[in-house]
Amino acid sequence: MKKIFLSITFLASSLFAWSECRYSSLKDDGEYLLFKDCIKVDKNENIQIKDKHIKNMFFDKDSLSCIYTTNNSEVFYIHKNGQIKQTYYFDNGCEYFNENDIARTTVNKNVAYMNKNLEVVLETPYFYGTRFHKNKAIVCDDSVSKVYDGEHSYYSGGSCTAINLKGEPLTKEKKTFEEILKLLRSDAI
């Protein structure tokens, strides 16, 4: 009985052990470097970063730094005020803040949008959402499919709509991702 308990304890502690990470190092002129024992994310998505790493991070003019985990390729923004939020991996890094100064994050496993202070400004009931462009974003339920094409990917199918910055749907009926994208590109919505 003792062996089983020890094995379970070891397994649980190793699942949430400190992981390697990459960030822009202040001591190394802003170069993105790999650091050991840097970040820990538990099953409840609580995030911890060791103080010595926070002190070594280069923060941009908006007081933000991007940190990458190496064990499962998650990316997070950290603000000088101590806020930490997961964001989407986009264009080899943390998602950019768009023309409205918002970027994607998740709340309860659904897409949400945050400002540069890492405050959630819009929660949605949708599984996936695109970045806002011209004050509109495509949002879809979990029936949307991620299709891989070499190193790139795109979304297809699903039950989707477009929303405005208030989260209000812009179509009466749900349509596929491709149909909503076509409507947006033609300025039909």
Protein backbone atom coordinates (compact mmCIF):
# COMPACT_ATOMS: atom_id res chain seq x y z
CA MET A 1 0.00 0.00 0.00
CA LYS A 2 2.84 2.38 0.80
CA LYS A 3 4.43 1.92 -2.64
CA ILE A 4 1.19 2.84 -4.41
CA PHE A 5 0.81 6.01 -2.33
CA LEU A 6 4.41 7.04 -2.99
CA SER A 7 4.00 6.42 -6.73
CA ILE A 8 0.83 8.51 -6.87
CA THR A 9 2.45 11.31 -4.86
CA PHE A 10 5.50 11.31 -7.14
CA LEU A 11 3.35 11.32 -10.28
CA ALA A 12 1.18 14.20 -9.03
CA SER A 13 4.20 16.30 -8.04
CA SER A 14 5.97 15.69 -11.36
CA LEU A 15 2.91 16.72 -13.39
CA PHE A 16 3.10 20.23 -11.98
CA ALA A 17 6.85 20.56 -11.62
CA TRP A 18 8.76 23.64 -12.67
CA SER A 19 9.23 23.68 -16.45
CA GLU A 20 11.69 25.32 -18.79
CA CYS A 21 10.62 28.53 -20.49
CA ARG A 22 11.80 31.14 -22.97
CA TYR A 23 11.53 34.88 -22.57
CA SER A 24 13.30 38.07 -23.57
CA SER A 25 16.19 38.32 -21.08
CA LEU A 26 17.06 41.72 -19.66
CA LYS A 27 20.60 40.57 -18.80
CA ASP A 28 21.13 39.38 -22.39
CA ASP A 29 20.05 42.53 -24.29
CA GLY A 30 16.49 41.28 -24.90
CA GLU A 31 17.49 38.01 -26.55
CA TYR A 32 14.97 35.15 -26.18
CA LEU A 33 16.73 32.46 -24.19
CA LEU A 34 15.83 29.15 -22.57
CA PHE A 35 15.76 29.01 -18.77
CA LYS A 36 15.36 25.99 -16.48
CA ASP A 37 12.92 25.76 -13.55
CA CYS A 38 11.05 28.85 -14.65
CA ILE A 39 7.26 28.33 -14.83
CA LYS A 40 4.63 26.06 -13.34
CA VAL A 41 1.04 25.66 -14.57
CA ASP A 42 -1.25 23.44 -12.49
CA LYS A 43 -4.42 21.57 -13.47
CA ASN A 44 -6.54 24.61 -12.51
CA GLU A 45 -4.45 26.77 -14.86
CA ASN A 46 -2.83 28.64 -11.96
CA ILE A 47 0.46 30.04 -13.20
CA GLN A 48 3.62 30.62 -11.18
CA ILE A 49 6.86 32.16 -12.41
CA LYS A 50 9.92 32.28 -10.17
CA ASP A 51 10.80 35.80 -8.99
CA LYS A 52 14.35 35.63 -10.35
CA HIS A 53 12.91 35.16 -13.84
CA ILE A 54 10.39 37.99 -13.49
CA LYS A 55 13.25 40.30 -12.46
CA ASN A 56 15.22 39.22 -15.55
CA MET A 57 12.39 39.77 -18.08
CA PHE A 58 12.52 42.56 -20.59
CA PHE A 59 9.18 44.45 -20.53
CA ASP A 60 8.06 46.48 -23.56
CA LYS A 61 6.63 50.03 -23.58
CA ASP A 62 3.23 48.61 -22.53
CA SER A 63 4.83 46.88 -19.50
CA LEU A 64 4.34 43.45 -21.10
CA SER A 65 6.61 40.47 -21.62
CA CYS A 66 5.89 37.21 -23.46
CA ILE A 67 6.90 33.89 -21.91
CA TYR A 68 6.82 30.50 -23.64
CA THR A 69 6.66 27.12 -21.93
CA THR A 70 8.73 24.45 -23.60
CA ASN A 71 6.92 21.36 -22.31
CA ASN A 72 3.59 22.07 -24.02
CA SER A 73 4.14 25.21 -26.09
CA GLU A 74 1.81 27.49 -24.14
CA VAL A 75 2.39 31.23 -24.25
CA PHE A 76 1.59 33.82 -21.62
CA TYR A 77 1.73 37.56 -21.24
CA ILE A 78 3.06 38.86 -17.95
CA HIS A 79 2.46 42.48 -16.98
CA LYS A 80 4.74 44.44 -14.65
CA ASN A 81 1.72 44.76 -12.33
CA GLY A 82 1.94 40.99 -11.71
CA GLN A 83 -0.96 39.90 -13.90
CA ILE A 84 -0.33 36.78 -15.98
CA LYS A 85 -2.68 35.60 -18.74
CA GLN A 86 -2.41 32.84 -21.26
CA THR A 87 -2.78 34.01 -24.83
CA TYR A 88 -2.80 32.38 -28.24
CA TYR A 89 0.38 31.32 -29.98
CA PHE A 90 0.42 33.53 -33.07
CA ASP A 91 3.12 34.22 -35.62
CA ASN A 92 5.83 32.52 -33.53
CA GLY A 93 4.99 34.25 -30.26
CA CYS A 94 2.32 35.81 -28.12
CA GLU A 95 -0.64 37.10 -30.06
CA TYR A 96 -0.37 40.75 -31.03
CA PHE A 97 -2.78 43.30 -29.62
CA ASN A 98 -4.94 44.49 -32.53
CA GLU A 99 -6.11 47.96 -33.57
CA ASN A 100 -8.46 48.01 -30.55
CA ASP A 101 -5.59 47.03 -28.21
CA ILE A 102 -7.15 43.64 -27.43
CA ALA A 103 -5.82 40.09 -27.80
CA ARG A 104 -7.28 36.65 -27.26
CA THR A 105 -7.17 34.64 -24.05
CA THR A 106 -9.41 31.97 -22.57
CA VAL A 107 -11.93 31.96 -19.74
CA ASN A 108 -13.43 28.60 -18.73
CA LYS A 109 -11.96 27.06 -21.90
CA ASN A 110 -13.80 29.55 -24.14
CA VAL A 111 -12.29 32.35 -26.18
CA ALA A 112 -12.20 35.72 -24.46
CA TYR A 113 -10.51 39.02 -25.21
CA MET A 114 -8.20 41.05 -22.94
CA ASN A 115 -6.68 44.51 -22.95
CA LYS A 116 -3.01 45.43 -22.46
CA ASN A 117 -3.47 45.46 -18.66
CA LEU A 118 -4.42 41.77 -19.09
CA GLU A 119 -7.97 42.46 -17.93
CA VAL A 120 -10.67 40.43 -19.68
CA VAL A 121 -12.87 42.92 -21.54
CA LEU A 122 -15.08 40.40 -23.39
CA GLU A 123 -16.00 36.83 -22.45
CA THR A 124 -17.77 34.61 -24.97
CA PRO A 125 -19.57 31.26 -24.83
CA TYR A 126 -17.60 30.11 -27.89
CA PHE A 127 -14.86 27.50 -28.11
CA TYR A 128 -12.84 29.36 -30.78
CA GLY A 129 -12.60 32.93 -32.01
CA THR A 130 -10.45 34.84 -34.44
CA ARG A 131 -8.66 38.07 -33.75
CA PHE A 132 -10.82 41.18 -34.18
CA HIS A 133 -10.39 42.94 -37.51
CA LYS A 134 -12.42 46.04 -38.37
CA ASN A 135 -14.25 45.55 -35.05
CA LYS A 136 -15.49 42.06 -35.99
CA ALA A 137 -14.37 38.54 -35.09
CA ILE A 138 -15.52 35.07 -36.11
CA VAL A 139 -16.54 32.83 -33.20
CA CYS A 140 -17.41 29.13 -33.37
CA ASP A 141 -18.58 26.28 -31.16
CA ASP A 142 -16.43 23.21 -30.64
CA SER A 143 -17.56 21.62 -33.93
CA VAL A 144 -15.07 23.77 -35.84
CA SER A 145 -12.04 21.80 -37.07
CA LYS A 146 -8.41 22.84 -37.06
CA VAL A 147 -6.84 21.74 -40.35
CA TYR A 148 -3.06 21.44 -40.65
CA ASP A 149 -1.24 22.26 -43.88
CA GLY A 150 2.46 21.72 -43.23
CA GLU A 151 3.59 24.23 -40.60
CA HIS A 152 0.42 26.32 -41.04
CA SER A 153 -3.13 25.67 -39.90
CA TYR A 154 -6.59 27.09 -40.48
CA TYR A 155 -10.13 26.50 -39.25
CA SER A 156 -12.94 24.87 -41.20
CA GLY A 157 -16.61 23.97 -40.82
CA GLY A 158 -18.30 24.31 -37.49
CA SER A 159 -21.22 26.38 -36.33
CA CYS A 160 -20.06 29.98 -36.38
CA THR A 161 -21.13 33.61 -36.37
CA ALA A 162 -19.43 36.99 -36.36
CA ILE A 163 -19.52 39.25 -33.30
CA ASN A 164 -18.85 42.91 -32.64
CA LEU A 165 -16.71 44.34 -29.83
CA LYS A 166 -19.64 44.01 -27.42
CA GLY A 167 -19.95 40.28 -28.19
CA GLU A 168 -23.23 40.71 -30.04
CA PRO A 169 -23.84 38.24 -32.92
CA LEU A 170 -23.88 39.85 -36.37
CA THR A 171 -25.70 37.02 -38.17
CA LYS A 172 -29.15 35.57 -37.46
CA GLU A 173 -28.16 32.02 -38.36
CA LYS A 174 -25.03 30.04 -37.62
CA LYS A 175 -22.89 29.24 -40.65
CA THR A 176 -19.60 27.46 -41.32
CA PHE A 177 -16.32 29.24 -40.68
CA GLU A 178 -15.76 29.59 -44.44
CA GLU A 179 -19.22 31.11 -45.00
CA ILE A 180 -18.76 33.70 -42.24
CA LEU A 181 -15.26 34.54 -43.50
CA LYS A 182 -16.61 35.06 -47.03
CA LEU A 183 -19.36 37.40 -45.69
CA LEU A 184 -16.80 39.42 -43.72
CA ARG A 185 -14.43 39.70 -46.67
CA SER A 186 -17.24 40.97 -48.89
CA ASP A 187 -18.35 43.45 -46.19
CA ALA A 188 -21.80 41.77 -46.19
CA ILE A 189 -21.74 41.92 -42.37
